[in-house]
Amino acid sequence: MADKSKLPAPIPTPETQHFWDGAKLGELRLQRCDDCTHVYFPPRPFCPECASKAVKVFAASGHATLYSYVINNRPHPAFDGPYAIAVVTLVEGPRMMTNIINCEQTPEQLQLDMALSVVFEDLSDDIALPYFEPLEASS
């Protein structure tokens, strides 16, 4: 999928450390507001819905559907082309940007609303990146 040496590594912050810690363990971690129950991504120390700071981190199911994508055919030093830049809708509600892997990068294979499952690839000893693949590929 990617030449790891050419990918810029994310830099965890105190607000995002739980997400990166989870990714290294193979967990996709989200946050839920204790006051209004809103589930959200990306990580932040307060609920974007009601501004409450009473939030908890939890392990998401790792299942999603394909909401939108573009197939990039332009050269990139870190990726073999073509590759899909996608937005997925997590079962828990939030959307996140990612790449779709382990399938042909064609409109015939990348169907909107297709079932997806998260997979993690180690970028370094400290960082694993979440990608998504068709659910039948992970079975």
N, C-alpha and C. Protein backbone atom coordinates (compact mmCIF):
# COMPACT_ATOMS: atom_id res chain seq x y z
N MET A 1 0.82 -1.20 0.00
CA MET A 1 0.00 0.00 0.00
C MET A 1 0.86 1.25 0.00
N ALA A 2 1.72 1.38 1.00
CA ALA A 2 2.46 2.62 1.13
C ALA A 2 3.92 2.33 1.41
N ASP A 3 4.78 3.23 0.95
CA ASP A 3 6.19 3.20 1.32
C ASP A 3 6.27 3.96 2.63
N LYS A 4 6.35 3.24 3.73
CA LYS A 4 6.28 3.84 5.06
C LYS A 4 7.34 4.91 5.28
N SER A 5 8.48 4.76 4.65
CA SER A 5 9.54 5.73 4.86
C SER A 5 9.21 7.10 4.28
N LYS A 6 8.20 7.16 3.40
CA LYS A 6 7.86 8.43 2.75
C LYS A 6 6.56 9.05 3.28
N LEU A 7 5.94 8.38 4.22
CA LEU A 7 4.72 8.92 4.83
C LEU A 7 5.07 9.85 5.98
N PRO A 8 4.47 11.02 6.03
CA PRO A 8 4.70 11.88 7.20
C PRO A 8 4.03 11.26 8.42
N ALA A 9 4.75 11.17 9.51
CA ALA A 9 4.20 10.57 10.72
C ALA A 9 3.37 11.57 11.50
N PRO A 10 2.18 11.16 11.94
CA PRO A 10 1.39 12.03 12.81
C PRO A 10 2.15 12.28 14.12
N ILE A 11 1.93 13.41 14.71
CA ILE A 11 2.54 13.74 15.99
C ILE A 11 1.43 13.76 17.04
N PRO A 12 1.37 12.74 17.90
CA PRO A 12 0.32 12.73 18.92
C PRO A 12 0.43 13.94 19.85
N THR A 13 -0.73 14.42 20.27
CA THR A 13 -0.84 15.50 21.25
C THR A 13 -1.54 14.91 22.47
N PRO A 14 -1.59 15.64 23.57
CA PRO A 14 -2.33 15.11 24.72
C PRO A 14 -3.80 14.79 24.36
N GLU A 15 -4.39 15.55 23.46
CA GLU A 15 -5.78 15.32 23.07
C GLU A 15 -5.96 14.11 22.17
N THR A 16 -4.92 13.72 21.42
CA THR A 16 -5.04 12.62 20.46
C THR A 16 -4.29 11.35 20.88
N GLN A 17 -3.54 11.42 21.98
CA GLN A 17 -2.71 10.28 22.37
C GLN A 17 -3.52 9.00 22.53
N HIS A 18 -4.72 9.09 23.11
CA HIS A 18 -5.56 7.89 23.29
C HIS A 18 -5.88 7.23 21.95
N PHE A 19 -6.09 8.04 20.91
CA PHE A 19 -6.39 7.50 19.59
C PHE A 19 -5.20 6.70 19.06
N TRP A 20 -4.00 7.28 19.14
CA TRP A 20 -2.80 6.61 18.63
C TRP A 20 -2.42 5.41 19.48
N ASP A 21 -2.63 5.47 20.79
CA ASP A 21 -2.39 4.32 21.65
C ASP A 21 -3.31 3.17 21.25
N GLY A 22 -4.58 3.48 20.99
CA GLY A 22 -5.53 2.46 20.55
C GLY A 22 -5.15 1.86 19.22
N ALA A 23 -4.74 2.71 18.28
CA ALA A 23 -4.37 2.21 16.95
C ALA A 23 -3.22 1.21 17.05
N LYS A 24 -2.25 1.46 17.92
CA LYS A 24 -1.14 0.51 18.10
C LYS A 24 -1.63 -0.82 18.64
N LEU A 25 -2.75 -0.80 19.37
CA LEU A 25 -3.33 -2.03 19.93
C LEU A 25 -4.37 -2.65 19.00
N GLY A 26 -4.58 -2.04 17.82
CA GLY A 26 -5.59 -2.56 16.90
C GLY A 26 -7.00 -2.14 17.24
N GLU A 27 -7.14 -1.02 17.96
CA GLU A 27 -8.47 -0.49 18.32
C GLU A 27 -8.68 0.88 17.69
N LEU A 28 -9.84 1.07 17.14
CA LEU A 28 -10.24 2.38 16.65
C LEU A 28 -11.00 3.05 17.80
N ARG A 29 -10.39 4.07 18.39
CA ARG A 29 -10.99 4.71 19.57
C ARG A 29 -11.70 6.01 19.20
N LEU A 30 -12.90 6.13 19.74
CA LEU A 30 -13.72 7.34 19.56
C LEU A 30 -14.01 7.92 20.94
N GLN A 31 -14.72 9.03 20.95
CA GLN A 31 -15.15 9.64 22.21
C GLN A 31 -16.66 9.82 22.20
N ARG A 32 -17.25 9.69 23.40
CA ARG A 32 -18.69 9.87 23.59
C ARG A 32 -18.90 10.85 24.74
N CYS A 33 -19.81 11.79 24.52
CA CYS A 33 -20.15 12.77 25.54
C CYS A 33 -21.05 12.12 26.58
N ASP A 34 -20.71 12.29 27.85
CA ASP A 34 -21.54 11.77 28.94
C ASP A 34 -22.82 12.57 29.10
N ASP A 35 -22.83 13.83 28.67
CA ASP A 35 -24.01 14.68 28.85
C ASP A 35 -25.04 14.52 27.74
N CYS A 36 -24.60 14.54 26.47
CA CYS A 36 -25.58 14.49 25.37
C CYS A 36 -25.47 13.21 24.55
N THR A 37 -24.56 12.32 24.86
CA THR A 37 -24.30 11.02 24.22
C THR A 37 -23.76 11.12 22.77
N HIS A 38 -23.41 12.31 22.33
CA HIS A 38 -22.86 12.48 20.98
C HIS A 38 -21.52 11.74 20.88
N VAL A 39 -21.35 10.98 19.80
CA VAL A 39 -20.09 10.28 19.51
C VAL A 39 -19.38 11.08 18.43
N TYR A 40 -18.07 11.29 18.61
CA TYR A 40 -17.39 12.16 17.65
C TYR A 40 -15.97 11.74 17.33
N PHE A 41 -15.51 12.25 16.21
CA PHE A 41 -14.15 12.13 15.71
C PHE A 41 -13.93 13.36 14.84
N PRO A 42 -12.76 13.98 14.86
CA PRO A 42 -11.52 13.61 15.51
C PRO A 42 -11.52 13.90 17.01
N PRO A 43 -10.51 13.36 17.71
CA PRO A 43 -10.43 13.55 19.15
C PRO A 43 -10.29 15.02 19.54
N ARG A 44 -10.95 15.36 20.65
CA ARG A 44 -10.80 16.68 21.26
C ARG A 44 -11.27 16.58 22.70
N PRO A 45 -10.89 17.51 23.55
CA PRO A 45 -11.18 17.39 24.98
C PRO A 45 -12.59 17.81 25.37
N PHE A 46 -13.43 18.18 24.42
CA PHE A 46 -14.80 18.61 24.72
C PHE A 46 -15.72 18.14 23.61
N CYS A 47 -16.99 18.04 23.90
CA CYS A 47 -17.98 17.59 22.93
C CYS A 47 -18.25 18.71 21.92
N PRO A 48 -18.14 18.44 20.63
CA PRO A 48 -18.41 19.47 19.63
C PRO A 48 -19.90 19.79 19.50
N GLU A 49 -20.74 18.95 20.09
CA GLU A 49 -22.19 19.16 20.03
C GLU A 49 -22.67 20.10 21.14
N CYS A 50 -22.22 19.85 22.38
CA CYS A 50 -22.74 20.62 23.52
C CYS A 50 -21.66 21.32 24.33
N ALA A 51 -20.39 21.14 23.96
CA ALA A 51 -19.22 21.76 24.61
C ALA A 51 -18.92 21.19 26.00
N SER A 52 -19.55 20.11 26.38
CA SER A 52 -19.26 19.48 27.66
C SER A 52 -17.85 18.89 27.66
N LYS A 53 -17.21 18.95 28.81
CA LYS A 53 -15.90 18.31 28.95
C LYS A 53 -16.03 16.92 29.57
N ALA A 54 -17.27 16.50 29.82
CA ALA A 54 -17.52 15.16 30.37
C ALA A 54 -17.58 14.17 29.21
N VAL A 55 -16.42 13.75 28.73
CA VAL A 55 -16.34 12.83 27.60
C VAL A 55 -15.53 11.60 27.99
N LYS A 56 -15.84 10.49 27.34
CA LYS A 56 -15.14 9.23 27.60
C LYS A 56 -14.65 8.65 26.28
N VAL A 57 -13.53 7.97 26.34
CA VAL A 57 -12.96 7.27 25.20
C VAL A 57 -13.47 5.84 25.22
N PHE A 58 -13.79 5.30 24.04
CA PHE A 58 -14.21 3.90 23.96
C PHE A 58 -13.72 3.28 22.65
N ALA A 59 -13.62 1.98 22.63
CA ALA A 59 -13.21 1.25 21.43
C ALA A 59 -14.41 1.08 20.52
N ALA A 60 -14.31 1.59 19.31
CA ALA A 60 -15.39 1.48 18.33
C ALA A 60 -15.40 0.07 17.74
N SER A 61 -16.46 -0.24 17.02
CA SER A 61 -16.60 -1.56 16.40
C SER A 61 -15.58 -1.79 15.29
N GLY A 62 -15.15 -0.72 14.65
CA GLY A 62 -14.24 -0.86 13.51
C GLY A 62 -14.97 -1.08 12.20
N HIS A 63 -16.30 -1.03 12.22
CA HIS A 63 -17.09 -1.22 11.01
C HIS A 63 -17.59 0.13 10.50
N ALA A 64 -17.67 0.23 9.16
CA ALA A 64 -18.06 1.48 8.54
C ALA A 64 -18.66 1.19 7.16
N THR A 65 -19.18 2.24 6.54
CA THR A 65 -19.61 2.17 5.15
C THR A 65 -18.90 3.29 4.38
N LEU A 66 -18.75 3.06 3.10
CA LEU A 66 -18.09 4.05 2.25
C LEU A 66 -19.06 5.17 1.94
N TYR A 67 -18.72 6.37 2.37
CA TYR A 67 -19.58 7.54 2.16
C TYR A 67 -19.22 8.27 0.87
N SER A 68 -17.93 8.47 0.63
CA SER A 68 -17.47 9.20 -0.54
C SER A 68 -16.01 8.85 -0.79
N TYR A 69 -15.56 9.04 -2.01
CA TYR A 69 -14.16 8.80 -2.31
C TYR A 69 -13.76 9.47 -3.62
N VAL A 70 -12.48 9.58 -3.80
CA VAL A 70 -11.90 9.97 -5.08
C VAL A 70 -10.73 9.03 -5.31
N ILE A 71 -10.56 8.62 -6.54
CA ILE A 71 -9.42 7.78 -6.89
C ILE A 71 -8.33 8.70 -7.41
N ASN A 72 -7.22 8.72 -6.69
CA ASN A 72 -6.10 9.57 -7.07
C ASN A 72 -5.18 8.80 -8.01
N ASN A 73 -4.96 9.34 -9.18
CA ASN A 73 -4.05 8.73 -10.15
C ASN A 73 -2.73 9.49 -10.27
N ARG A 74 -2.62 10.60 -9.56
CA ARG A 74 -1.39 11.39 -9.63
C ARG A 74 -0.30 10.72 -8.80
N PRO A 75 0.92 10.81 -9.23
CA PRO A 75 2.02 10.19 -8.49
C PRO A 75 2.17 10.80 -7.09
N HIS A 76 2.50 9.94 -6.15
CA HIS A 76 2.79 10.36 -4.79
C HIS A 76 3.94 9.48 -4.31
N PRO A 77 4.96 10.06 -3.69
CA PRO A 77 6.12 9.24 -3.31
C PRO A 77 5.81 8.14 -2.30
N ALA A 78 4.75 8.26 -1.54
CA ALA A 78 4.46 7.26 -0.50
C ALA A 78 3.46 6.21 -0.92
N PHE A 79 2.73 6.41 -2.02
CA PHE A 79 1.66 5.48 -2.39
C PHE A 79 1.84 4.95 -3.81
N ASP A 80 1.55 3.68 -3.97
CA ASP A 80 1.44 3.12 -5.31
C ASP A 80 0.08 3.55 -5.83
N GLY A 81 0.03 4.07 -7.03
CA GLY A 81 -1.24 4.54 -7.58
C GLY A 81 -1.88 3.50 -8.46
N PRO A 82 -3.13 3.66 -8.74
CA PRO A 82 -4.02 4.64 -8.12
C PRO A 82 -4.39 4.21 -6.70
N TYR A 83 -4.87 5.18 -5.91
CA TYR A 83 -5.31 4.87 -4.56
C TYR A 83 -6.52 5.73 -4.21
N ALA A 84 -7.37 5.18 -3.36
CA ALA A 84 -8.61 5.86 -2.97
C ALA A 84 -8.39 6.70 -1.72
N ILE A 85 -8.79 7.95 -1.83
CA ILE A 85 -8.88 8.83 -0.67
C ILE A 85 -10.36 8.86 -0.33
N ALA A 86 -10.72 8.41 0.85
CA ALA A 86 -12.12 8.15 1.15
C ALA A 86 -12.59 8.82 2.43
N VAL A 87 -13.89 8.99 2.50
CA VAL A 87 -14.58 9.35 3.73
C VAL A 87 -15.49 8.17 4.05
N VAL A 88 -15.36 7.64 5.26
CA VAL A 88 -16.21 6.54 5.69
C VAL A 88 -17.10 7.00 6.83
N THR A 89 -18.28 6.39 6.91
CA THR A 89 -19.19 6.64 8.02
C THR A 89 -19.08 5.45 8.97
N LEU A 90 -18.60 5.71 10.17
CA LEU A 90 -18.46 4.65 11.16
C LEU A 90 -19.84 4.24 11.66
N VAL A 91 -20.00 2.99 12.04
CA VAL A 91 -21.27 2.49 12.57
C VAL A 91 -21.74 3.35 13.73
N GLU A 92 -20.80 3.87 14.51
CA GLU A 92 -21.13 4.69 15.67
C GLU A 92 -21.58 6.10 15.30
N GLY A 93 -21.45 6.49 14.02
CA GLY A 93 -21.95 7.79 13.57
C GLY A 93 -20.96 8.74 12.95
N PRO A 94 -19.78 8.94 13.54
CA PRO A 94 -18.85 9.91 12.96
C PRO A 94 -18.32 9.48 11.58
N ARG A 95 -17.84 10.44 10.86
CA ARG A 95 -17.16 10.18 9.59
C ARG A 95 -15.68 10.46 9.77
N MET A 96 -14.87 9.74 9.00
CA MET A 96 -13.43 10.00 9.04
C MET A 96 -12.83 9.78 7.66
N MET A 97 -11.75 10.52 7.39
CA MET A 97 -11.00 10.34 6.15
C MET A 97 -10.02 9.19 6.34
N THR A 98 -9.80 8.46 5.25
CA THR A 98 -8.93 7.29 5.29
C THR A 98 -8.59 6.89 3.88
N ASN A 99 -7.96 5.76 3.75
CA ASN A 99 -7.73 5.13 2.45
C ASN A 99 -8.41 3.78 2.47
N ILE A 100 -8.90 3.36 1.31
CA ILE A 100 -9.49 2.03 1.17
C ILE A 100 -8.40 1.15 0.56
N ILE A 101 -8.15 0.02 1.19
CA ILE A 101 -7.08 -0.87 0.74
C ILE A 101 -7.62 -2.27 0.53
N ASN A 102 -6.77 -3.12 -0.03
CA ASN A 102 -7.06 -4.54 -0.25
C ASN A 102 -8.23 -4.78 -1.20
N CYS A 103 -8.38 -3.89 -2.17
CA CYS A 103 -9.32 -4.10 -3.26
C CYS A 103 -8.86 -3.24 -4.44
N GLU A 104 -9.35 -3.57 -5.61
CA GLU A 104 -9.02 -2.77 -6.79
C GLU A 104 -9.53 -1.35 -6.59
N GLN A 105 -8.75 -0.41 -7.01
CA GLN A 105 -9.09 1.01 -6.85
C GLN A 105 -9.84 1.49 -8.10
N THR A 106 -11.04 0.94 -8.27
CA THR A 106 -11.87 1.27 -9.43
C THR A 106 -13.28 1.58 -8.94
N PRO A 107 -14.03 2.36 -9.73
CA PRO A 107 -15.43 2.64 -9.35
C PRO A 107 -16.28 1.37 -9.26
N GLU A 108 -15.91 0.34 -10.01
CA GLU A 108 -16.68 -0.91 -9.96
C GLU A 108 -16.51 -1.61 -8.61
N GLN A 109 -15.33 -1.48 -8.01
CA GLN A 109 -15.06 -2.14 -6.73
C GLN A 109 -15.39 -1.25 -5.53
N LEU A 110 -15.24 0.05 -5.70
CA LEU A 110 -15.48 1.00 -4.60
C LEU A 110 -16.91 1.53 -4.69
N GLN A 111 -17.83 0.77 -4.17
CA GLN A 111 -19.24 1.12 -4.23
C GLN A 111 -19.66 1.91 -3.00
N LEU A 112 -20.35 3.02 -3.20
CA LEU A 112 -20.85 3.79 -2.07
C LEU A 112 -21.72 2.90 -1.20
N ASP A 113 -21.64 3.10 0.10
CA ASP A 113 -22.36 2.33 1.11
C ASP A 113 -21.86 0.90 1.29
N MET A 114 -20.76 0.53 0.63
CA MET A 114 -20.22 -0.82 0.84
C MET A 114 -19.73 -0.97 2.27
N ALA A 115 -19.84 -2.18 2.79
CA ALA A 115 -19.41 -2.47 4.16
C ALA A 115 -17.89 -2.55 4.22
N LEU A 116 -17.34 -1.91 5.25
CA LEU A 116 -15.89 -1.83 5.44
C LEU A 116 -15.52 -2.22 6.86
N SER A 117 -14.26 -2.59 7.01
CA SER A 117 -13.73 -2.92 8.32
C SER A 117 -12.36 -2.27 8.46
N VAL A 118 -12.04 -1.81 9.65
CA VAL A 118 -10.76 -1.14 9.88
C VAL A 118 -9.63 -2.17 9.95
N VAL A 119 -8.49 -1.78 9.42
CA VAL A 119 -7.24 -2.54 9.56
C VAL A 119 -6.16 -1.52 9.90
N PHE A 120 -5.14 -1.96 10.58
CA PHE A 120 -4.08 -1.05 11.01
C PHE A 120 -2.76 -1.48 10.41
N GLU A 121 -1.97 -0.50 9.98
CA GLU A 121 -0.63 -0.78 9.48
C GLU A 121 0.36 0.03 10.31
N ASP A 122 1.38 -0.65 10.81
CA ASP A 122 2.41 0.03 11.59
C ASP A 122 3.21 0.97 10.69
N LEU A 123 3.32 2.20 11.13
CA LEU A 123 4.16 3.18 10.45
C LEU A 123 5.52 3.24 11.14
N SER A 124 5.51 3.06 12.45
CA SER A 124 6.74 3.08 13.26
C SER A 124 6.48 2.26 14.52
N ASP A 125 7.42 2.29 15.43
CA ASP A 125 7.23 1.59 16.70
C ASP A 125 6.11 2.21 17.53
N ASP A 126 5.82 3.49 17.28
CA ASP A 126 4.84 4.22 18.09
C ASP A 126 3.51 4.50 17.38
N ILE A 127 3.50 4.45 16.06
CA ILE A 127 2.31 4.87 15.30
C ILE A 127 1.84 3.77 14.38
N ALA A 128 0.54 3.47 14.44
CA ALA A 128 -0.14 2.61 13.47
C ALA A 128 -1.24 3.44 12.84
N LEU A 129 -1.41 3.30 11.53
CA LEU A 129 -2.42 4.07 10.80
C LEU A 129 -3.64 3.22 10.52
N PRO A 130 -4.84 3.79 10.72
CA PRO A 130 -6.06 3.06 10.39
C PRO A 130 -6.40 3.23 8.91
N TYR A 131 -6.66 2.12 8.26
CA TYR A 131 -7.16 2.09 6.88
C TYR A 131 -8.43 1.26 6.92
N PHE A 132 -9.17 1.25 5.83
CA PHE A 132 -10.37 0.42 5.76
C PHE A 132 -10.29 -0.46 4.54
N GLU A 133 -10.87 -1.65 4.67
CA GLU A 133 -10.94 -2.61 3.56
C GLU A 133 -12.36 -3.13 3.47
N PRO A 134 -12.73 -3.66 2.29
CA PRO A 134 -14.07 -4.26 2.18
C PRO A 134 -14.25 -5.34 3.23
N LEU A 135 -15.41 -5.40 3.82
CA LEU A 135 -15.68 -6.34 4.91
C LEU A 135 -15.37 -7.77 4.52
N GLU A 136 -15.70 -8.16 3.28
CA GLU A 136 -15.43 -9.54 2.87
C GLU A 136 -13.93 -9.82 2.77
N ALA A 137 -13.09 -8.78 2.60
CA ALA A 137 -11.63 -8.98 2.56
C ALA A 137 -11.09 -9.30 3.93
N SER A 138 -11.78 -8.85 4.98
CA SER A 138 -11.28 -9.08 6.34
C SER A 138 -11.83 -10.37 6.95
N SER A 139 -12.69 -11.06 6.23
CA SER A 139 -13.29 -12.30 6.76
C SER A 139 -12.36 -13.47 6.65
